[in-house]
Amino acid sequence: MLQDIAAILPENIREIINRLQPNVVQKTEEIRLRVNRPLEVVSGGKPYYPSIQDRHYIVLAEDAKYLLNQLSQYSMYAFEEELRRGFITIKGGHRVGLAGKVVLDRGQVKTLRDISSFNIRIARQTIGVAERLISQLYDQRWLNTIFIGPPQTGKTTLLRDVARLISQGMPSRKIAPLKVGIVDERSEIAASMKGIPQLELGSRVDVLDGCPKAEGMMMLIRSMSPDVIIVDEIGRKEDAFAVQEALHAGVKVMTTAHGFSLEDIERRPELKSLLDQGAFERCVELTRTTQAGVIKRIRNQERKDVVKMT
């Protein structure tokens, strides 16, 4: 099991998972703890329920308390913003989703209490996964690109590797390295610790960690003169405006959005506006079969197919 994940789990759950078949552990995507319900491990897209003496292990309130203390380092106040957003990112870029009692303040989410559900999503960097797309994303220059797919289809994994390729360049294809600015609002792209990326992203990368996307894009344009901006999961009105400003400033943009298809994200007014303006020269639709990162379709800014797999 990954060391960063093992460090936050209660010892009994750590041992249970370590006893799983090696192929299950190797393909583990999520570890879900729900108080008073069976421990769940999602591996290769399938759920597993580890057993002890032929009985499913039932997660205890003590397990949840231990995990929460490890995540917060015994200071819930210091993690107030993460609780409001519903997740905490830990070392290695792994994200722990949280669910429990929502506390509102004037109709807005203030924090979470009585947390009883945890979803540990395991981040894995796959070096080279985006190389097969170079001929589609690069044509004498990098093309403004949006990766579209539902959760766990590999959007962030591809985006991360694209950032690495742009930053380090590809001498074999005569592609020069460029300056890359990453707005890493959820600390999932670069997995920064104390401001320093923990994952391999090349040498020409500058990261704004934990910064809201729209504000971060504008900050990078003003302060770091990036050639390309990398940002994950756009969707708000301010995100769309920031993307427009980046494009007007001559900065390339690589990003992602949640959805099953181009038509799906067109139902969101802010994203539809960007698409109608031809902001994205490549729209890469992802799907999931037995693994993440499967390309379903690639279209250009005129919504015409460049590559169609199905």
Protein backbone atom coordinates (compact mmCIF):
# COMPACT_ATOMS: atom_id res chain seq x y z
CA MET A 1 0.00 0.00 0.00
CA LEU A 2 1.16 3.55 -0.62
CA GLN A 3 3.04 4.86 2.39
CA ASP A 4 1.19 8.18 2.50
CA ILE A 5 -2.17 6.39 2.70
CA ALA A 6 -0.97 3.86 5.27
CA ALA A 7 0.20 6.69 7.54
CA ILE A 8 -3.34 8.00 8.11
CA LEU A 9 -5.27 4.72 8.45
CA PRO A 10 -6.05 3.03 11.77
CA GLU A 11 -3.70 0.10 12.29
CA ASN A 12 -6.42 -2.55 12.07
CA ILE A 13 -7.71 -1.24 8.73
CA ARG A 14 -4.16 -0.92 7.43
CA GLU A 15 -3.54 -4.58 8.21
CA ILE A 16 -6.83 -5.66 6.63
CA ILE A 17 -6.01 -3.89 3.36
CA ASN A 18 -2.47 -5.23 3.36
CA ARG A 19 -3.93 -8.75 3.43
CA LEU A 20 -5.82 -8.20 0.19
CA GLN A 21 -4.60 -9.87 -2.97
CA PRO A 22 -1.60 -7.96 -4.44
CA ASN A 23 -3.41 -7.33 -7.73
CA VAL A 24 -6.33 -5.75 -5.82
CA VAL A 25 -4.00 -3.51 -3.81
CA GLN A 26 -2.09 -2.51 -6.92
CA LYS A 27 -5.25 -1.36 -8.71
CA THR A 28 -6.91 0.26 -5.69
CA GLU A 29 -8.58 3.57 -6.58
CA GLU A 30 -10.59 4.32 -3.45
CA ILE A 31 -10.79 3.26 0.19
CA ARG A 32 -14.15 4.11 1.71
CA LEU A 33 -14.86 4.20 5.43
CA ARG A 34 -18.47 4.62 6.55
CA VAL A 35 -19.24 4.36 10.25
CA ASN A 36 -21.30 1.27 11.14
CA ARG A 37 -21.05 -0.02 7.57
CA PRO A 38 -18.62 -2.37 5.81
CA LEU A 39 -15.16 -1.16 4.82
CA GLU A 40 -15.08 -0.81 1.03
CA VAL A 41 -12.12 -0.91 -1.36
CA VAL A 42 -12.69 0.04 -5.00
CA SER A 43 -10.11 -1.62 -7.25
CA GLY A 44 -10.20 -1.78 -11.03
CA GLY A 45 -13.67 -0.24 -10.94
CA LYS A 46 -15.07 -3.02 -8.71
CA PRO A 47 -16.02 -2.84 -5.01
CA TYR A 48 -14.42 -5.23 -2.51
CA TYR A 49 -15.47 -5.72 1.10
CA PRO A 50 -12.54 -7.12 3.14
CA SER A 51 -13.49 -9.73 5.71
CA ILE A 52 -12.18 -10.94 9.05
CA GLN A 53 -13.10 -14.50 9.97
CA ASP A 54 -15.59 -14.62 7.10
CA ARG A 55 -17.35 -11.43 8.20
CA HIS A 56 -17.12 -8.01 6.59
CA TYR A 57 -15.17 -5.51 8.66
CA ILE A 58 -17.58 -2.91 10.03
CA VAL A 59 -16.04 0.55 10.40
CA LEU A 60 -16.15 1.81 13.98
CA ALA A 61 -16.64 5.34 15.28
CA GLU A 62 -13.14 5.01 16.76
CA ASP A 63 -11.75 4.35 13.27
CA ALA A 64 -13.36 7.54 11.98
CA LYS A 65 -12.07 9.56 14.92
CA TYR A 66 -8.52 8.27 14.41
CA LEU A 67 -8.58 9.02 10.68
CA LEU A 68 -9.96 12.53 11.23
CA ASN A 69 -7.28 13.27 13.82
CA GLN A 70 -4.59 12.11 11.41
CA LEU A 71 -5.98 14.25 8.63
CA SER A 72 -6.29 17.37 10.76
CA GLN A 73 -3.22 16.77 12.92
CA TYR A 74 -5.57 17.14 15.90
CA SER A 75 -6.50 20.72 14.90
CA MET A 76 -9.87 20.86 13.17
CA TYR A 77 -9.82 24.65 13.29
CA ALA A 78 -6.78 24.72 10.99
CA PHE A 79 -8.72 22.70 8.43
CA GLU A 80 -11.88 24.81 8.45
CA GLU A 81 -11.57 25.73 4.76
CA GLU A 82 -11.02 22.10 3.73
CA LEU A 83 -14.05 21.03 5.75
CA ARG A 84 -16.15 23.68 4.07
CA ARG A 85 -15.13 22.31 0.66
CA GLY A 86 -15.71 18.71 1.78
CA PHE A 87 -12.27 17.26 1.20
CA ILE A 88 -8.70 17.27 2.46
CA THR A 89 -5.68 16.69 0.21
CA ILE A 90 -2.80 14.82 1.85
CA LYS A 91 0.82 14.23 0.95
CA GLY A 92 1.18 12.55 -2.42
CA GLY A 93 -1.86 14.35 -3.87
CA HIS A 94 -4.35 11.84 -2.48
CA ARG A 95 -7.72 13.40 -1.71
CA VAL A 96 -9.97 12.41 1.17
CA GLY A 97 -13.62 13.28 0.61
CA LEU A 98 -15.76 13.86 3.69
CA ALA A 99 -19.47 13.61 4.47
CA GLY A 100 -21.42 14.26 7.64
CA LYS A 101 -23.53 16.98 9.24
CA VAL A 102 -23.43 20.20 7.22
CA VAL A 103 -23.38 23.46 9.18
CA LEU A 104 -24.83 26.44 7.30
CA ASP A 105 -24.23 30.15 7.73
CA ARG A 106 -26.72 32.39 5.91
CA GLY A 107 -27.50 29.60 3.51
CA GLN A 108 -23.85 28.86 2.70
CA VAL A 109 -21.87 25.82 3.82
CA LYS A 110 -19.72 26.83 6.78
CA THR A 111 -18.22 23.51 7.83
CA LEU A 112 -18.83 19.80 8.41
CA ARG A 113 -19.39 18.11 11.76
CA ASP A 114 -20.09 14.56 12.91
CA ILE A 115 -18.10 13.26 9.94
CA SER A 116 -19.04 9.63 9.32
CA SER A 117 -17.98 8.95 5.71
CA PHE A 118 -14.50 9.12 4.20
CA ASN A 119 -13.51 8.48 0.61
CA ILE A 120 -9.74 8.18 0.15
CA ARG A 121 -9.07 8.66 -3.57
CA ILE A 122 -5.62 7.40 -4.46
CA ALA A 123 -3.64 9.58 -6.87
CA ARG A 124 -1.13 7.92 -9.16
CA GLN A 125 1.17 9.71 -11.56
CA THR A 126 1.41 7.85 -14.84
CA ILE A 127 4.45 9.16 -16.68
CA GLY A 128 3.97 9.17 -20.45
CA VAL A 129 0.21 8.57 -20.48
CA ALA A 130 -0.38 11.73 -22.58
CA GLU A 131 2.33 11.05 -25.17
CA ARG A 132 -0.12 9.17 -27.41
CA LEU A 133 -2.13 12.41 -27.73
CA ILE A 134 0.69 14.69 -28.85
CA SER A 135 -0.24 14.53 -32.52
CA GLN A 136 -3.75 15.68 -31.59
CA LEU A 137 -2.80 18.37 -29.07
CA TYR A 138 0.21 19.87 -30.83
CA ASP A 139 0.30 21.35 -34.33
CA GLN A 140 3.35 23.61 -34.57
CA ARG A 141 2.08 24.93 -31.22
CA TRP A 142 0.10 23.57 -28.29
CA LEU A 143 -3.65 23.75 -28.85
CA ASN A 144 -6.09 25.04 -26.24
CA THR A 145 -7.61 21.84 -24.87
CA ILE A 146 -10.38 20.72 -22.53
CA PHE A 147 -10.57 17.15 -21.22
CA ILE A 148 -14.18 16.06 -20.57
CA GLY A 149 -15.28 13.06 -18.53
CA PRO A 150 -17.16 11.90 -15.43
CA PRO A 151 -15.23 11.23 -12.20
CA GLN A 152 -12.42 8.66 -12.31
CA THR A 153 -11.92 8.71 -16.05
CA GLY A 154 -8.34 9.99 -15.81
CA LYS A 155 -8.83 13.69 -16.60
CA THR A 156 -6.40 14.96 -13.99
CA THR A 157 -3.89 12.19 -14.75
CA LEU A 158 -3.78 13.23 -18.40
CA LEU A 159 -3.69 16.93 -17.55
CA ARG A 160 -0.75 16.39 -15.21
CA ASP A 161 1.22 14.53 -17.85
CA VAL A 162 0.44 17.17 -20.47
CA ALA A 163 1.87 19.76 -18.07
CA ARG A 164 5.03 17.68 -17.75
CA LEU A 165 5.42 17.29 -21.52
CA ILE A 166 4.94 21.00 -22.17
CA SER A 167 7.37 21.96 -19.41
CA GLN A 168 10.17 19.61 -20.39
CA GLY A 169 9.57 19.68 -24.15
CA MET A 170 10.06 16.79 -26.54
CA PRO A 171 13.38 17.02 -28.42
CA SER A 172 12.55 13.93 -30.48
CA ARG A 173 9.59 15.83 -31.96
CA LYS A 174 11.40 19.17 -31.98
CA ILE A 175 8.97 20.57 -29.38
CA ALA A 176 10.67 23.21 -27.22
CA PRO A 177 9.99 23.41 -23.46
CA LEU A 178 7.66 26.22 -22.43
CA LYS A 179 6.81 28.02 -19.19
CA VAL A 180 3.85 26.34 -17.50
CA GLY A 181 1.68 27.91 -14.79
CA ILE A 182 -0.49 25.52 -12.76
CA VAL A 183 -3.41 26.65 -10.62
CA ASP A 184 -3.78 23.70 -8.26
CA GLU A 185 -6.84 24.58 -6.19
CA ARG A 186 -7.20 21.09 -4.67
CA SER A 187 -3.49 20.18 -4.61
CA GLU A 188 -4.16 17.22 -6.91
CA ILE A 189 -2.15 18.15 -9.99
CA ALA A 190 1.25 18.86 -8.42
CA ALA A 191 0.71 17.41 -4.91
CA SER A 192 2.66 20.31 -3.42
CA MET A 193 3.95 20.20 0.14
CA LYS A 194 4.96 23.56 1.61
CA GLY A 195 4.71 25.02 -1.88
CA ILE A 196 7.01 22.49 -3.55
CA PRO A 197 5.52 20.05 -6.13
CA GLN A 198 6.04 16.42 -5.11
CA LEU A 199 5.30 14.99 -8.55
CA GLU A 200 7.38 15.08 -11.75
CA LEU A 201 6.29 18.09 -13.78
CA GLY A 202 9.45 19.20 -15.54
CA SER A 203 11.68 22.16 -14.75
CA ARG A 204 9.68 25.07 -16.20
CA VAL A 205 6.64 24.86 -13.92
CA ASP A 206 5.29 27.40 -11.43
CA VAL A 207 2.47 26.28 -9.13
CA LEU A 208 -0.13 28.24 -7.19
CA ASP A 209 -1.22 25.66 -4.63
CA GLY A 210 -4.61 25.83 -2.92
CA CYS A 211 -5.60 28.92 -4.91
CA PRO A 212 -9.09 29.41 -6.39
CA LYS A 213 -8.95 28.83 -10.13
CA ALA A 214 -10.15 32.17 -11.48
CA GLU A 215 -8.00 34.26 -9.15
CA GLY A 216 -5.02 31.99 -9.73
CA MET A 217 -5.16 32.27 -13.51
CA MET A 218 -5.14 36.06 -13.30
CA MET A 219 -2.32 36.03 -10.75
CA LEU A 220 -0.16 33.84 -12.98
CA ILE A 221 -0.75 36.02 -16.04
CA ARG A 222 0.25 39.14 -14.11
CA SER A 223 3.21 37.72 -12.22
CA MET A 224 4.74 34.65 -13.93
CA SER A 225 4.27 35.24 -17.69
CA PRO A 226 3.32 31.62 -18.46
CA ASP A 227 3.14 30.32 -22.02
CA VAL A 228 0.53 27.75 -20.95
CA ILE A 229 -1.86 27.68 -17.99
CA ILE A 230 -2.98 24.33 -16.55
CA VAL A 231 -6.13 24.32 -14.41
CA ASP A 232 -8.46 21.54 -13.30
CA GLU A 233 -12.27 21.39 -13.34
CA ILE A 234 -13.54 24.73 -14.60
CA GLY A 235 -17.24 25.47 -14.50
CA ARG A 236 -18.04 28.71 -12.71
CA LYS A 237 -18.74 32.05 -14.41
CA GLU A 238 -15.50 33.51 -13.03
CA ASP A 239 -13.54 30.51 -14.34
CA ALA A 240 -14.86 31.11 -17.85
CA PHE A 241 -13.98 34.79 -17.64
CA ALA A 242 -10.42 33.97 -16.51
CA VAL A 243 -9.99 31.51 -19.39
CA GLN A 244 -11.11 34.22 -21.82
CA GLU A 245 -8.64 36.69 -20.31
CA ALA A 246 -5.82 34.16 -20.60
CA LEU A 247 -6.60 33.52 -24.25
CA HIS A 248 -6.80 37.25 -24.97
CA ALA A 249 -3.36 37.60 -23.35
CA GLY A 250 -1.95 35.01 -25.76
CA VAL A 251 -1.64 32.29 -23.11
CA LYS A 252 -2.60 28.72 -24.01
CA VAL A 253 -5.01 26.92 -21.67
CA MET A 254 -5.28 23.22 -20.83
CA THR A 255 -8.14 22.31 -18.50
CA THR A 256 -10.81 19.75 -17.56
CA ALA A 257 -14.56 19.70 -16.97
CA HIS A 258 -16.99 17.17 -15.52
CA GLY A 259 -19.39 15.69 -18.04
CA PHE A 260 -20.08 12.65 -20.18
CA SER A 261 -19.64 14.45 -23.50
CA LEU A 262 -19.22 17.81 -25.19
CA GLU A 263 -23.00 18.06 -25.45
CA ASP A 264 -23.25 17.43 -21.72
CA ILE A 265 -21.04 20.36 -20.71
CA GLU A 266 -22.76 22.59 -23.27
CA ARG A 267 -25.76 22.55 -20.94
CA ARG A 268 -23.75 24.73 -18.54
CA PRO A 269 -24.06 28.36 -19.74
CA GLU A 270 -20.53 29.42 -18.79
CA LEU A 271 -18.90 26.51 -20.60
CA LYS A 272 -21.25 26.82 -23.57
CA SER A 273 -20.14 30.42 -23.99
CA LEU A 274 -16.50 29.35 -24.18
CA LEU A 275 -17.29 26.58 -26.67
CA ASP A 276 -19.39 28.90 -28.84
CA GLN A 277 -16.43 31.27 -29.02
CA GLY A 278 -14.17 28.43 -30.18
CA ALA A 279 -12.00 28.78 -27.10
CA PHE A 280 -10.93 25.14 -27.16
CA GLU A 281 -9.25 23.84 -30.27
CA ARG A 282 -9.42 20.30 -28.93
CA CYS A 283 -12.18 18.72 -26.83
CA VAL A 284 -11.06 15.31 -25.57
CA GLU A 285 -13.89 13.11 -24.27
CA LEU A 286 -12.90 10.35 -21.86
CA THR A 287 -14.76 7.26 -20.82
CA ARG A 288 -14.10 4.37 -18.50
CA THR A 289 -14.08 0.68 -19.33
CA THR A 290 -11.73 -1.51 -17.33
CA GLN A 291 -9.32 1.37 -16.82
CA ALA A 292 -9.20 5.15 -16.66
CA GLY A 293 -7.90 7.40 -19.42
CA VAL A 294 -9.74 5.76 -22.35
CA ILE A 295 -10.29 8.23 -25.20
CA LYS A 296 -13.83 8.13 -26.57
CA ARG A 297 -13.72 11.06 -28.94
CA ILE A 298 -11.66 14.14 -29.87
CA ARG A 299 -13.29 17.13 -31.54
CA ASN A 300 -12.08 20.53 -32.74
CA GLN A 301 -13.48 23.99 -31.99
CA GLU A 302 -16.07 23.51 -34.72
CA ARG A 303 -17.29 20.40 -32.89
CA LYS A 304 -16.13 18.18 -35.74
CA ASP A 305 -14.51 14.82 -35.07
CA VAL A 306 -10.74 14.58 -35.15
CA VAL A 307 -10.73 11.12 -33.58
CA LYS A 308 -13.77 8.96 -32.78
CA MET A 309 -13.25 5.64 -31.05
CA THR A 310 -16.88 4.54 -30.70
